[in-house]
Amino acid sequence: MHFHTLRHSFASALVQRGISLYAIKELVGHENIKTTQIYSHLQKQNLMDAVNLL
């Protein structure tokens, strides 16, 4: 397993738990929020999953 894979898994887990992208950016060491926004699709999926539970 590579460091990048671990960082990706860590960031993905944080997004799925509702942690803000700005906090994740700092935790994983991204210099630009646009890099962290790659994970935002997971946030949208979590919202859709919540709605689908209704």
Protein backbone atom coordinates (compact mmCIF):
# COMPACT_ATOMS: atom_id res chain seq x y z
CA MET A 1 0.00 0.00 0.00
CA HIS A 2 1.29 3.46 -0.92
CA PHE A 3 1.12 6.66 1.11
CA HIS A 4 -1.19 8.22 -1.49
CA THR A 5 -3.64 5.34 -1.10
CA LEU A 6 -3.69 5.76 2.68
CA ARG A 7 -4.21 9.52 2.38
CA HIS A 8 -7.04 8.98 -0.11
CA SER A 9 -8.72 6.45 2.18
CA PHE A 10 -8.33 8.77 5.18
CA ALA A 11 -9.80 11.74 3.31
CA SER A 12 -12.67 9.64 1.95
CA ALA A 13 -13.53 8.37 5.43
CA LEU A 14 -13.56 11.93 6.79
CA VAL A 15 -15.87 13.12 4.02
CA GLN A 16 -18.25 10.25 4.67
CA ARG A 17 -18.38 11.31 8.32
CA GLY A 18 -19.34 14.86 7.37
CA ILE A 19 -16.03 16.59 8.12
CA SER A 20 -15.62 19.86 6.23
CA LEU A 21 -13.44 19.90 3.15
CA TYR A 22 -11.38 22.73 4.66
CA ALA A 23 -10.57 20.63 7.73
CA ILE A 24 -9.70 17.67 5.50
CA LYS A 25 -7.47 19.91 3.38
CA GLU A 26 -5.41 20.79 6.44
CA LEU A 27 -5.33 17.24 7.79
CA VAL A 28 -4.08 15.66 4.57
CA GLY A 29 -1.72 18.49 3.66
CA HIS A 30 -3.26 19.69 0.42
CA GLU A 31 -2.06 23.15 -0.54
CA ASN A 32 -5.13 23.91 -2.64
CA ILE A 33 -8.77 23.29 -1.70
CA LYS A 34 -9.43 22.26 -5.31
CA THR A 35 -7.37 19.13 -4.70
CA THR A 36 -9.51 18.30 -1.68
CA GLN A 37 -12.72 18.99 -3.61
CA ILE A 38 -12.05 15.80 -5.57
CA TYR A 39 -13.62 14.07 -2.57
CA SER A 40 -16.76 16.24 -2.59
CA HIS A 41 -18.61 13.70 -4.76
CA LEU A 42 -18.67 11.46 -1.71
CA GLN A 43 -20.43 14.19 0.28
CA LYS A 44 -23.12 14.49 -2.39
CA GLN A 45 -23.59 10.74 -2.43
CA ASN A 46 -24.05 10.74 1.36
CA LEU A 47 -26.80 13.34 1.01
CA MET A 48 -28.53 11.32 -1.70
CA ASP A 49 -28.29 8.17 0.42
CA ALA A 50 -29.92 10.02 3.32
CA VAL A 51 -32.80 11.21 1.14
CA ASN A 52 -33.28 7.72 -0.28
CA LEU A 53 -33.80 6.38 3.23
CA LEU A 54 -37.05 8.34 3.45
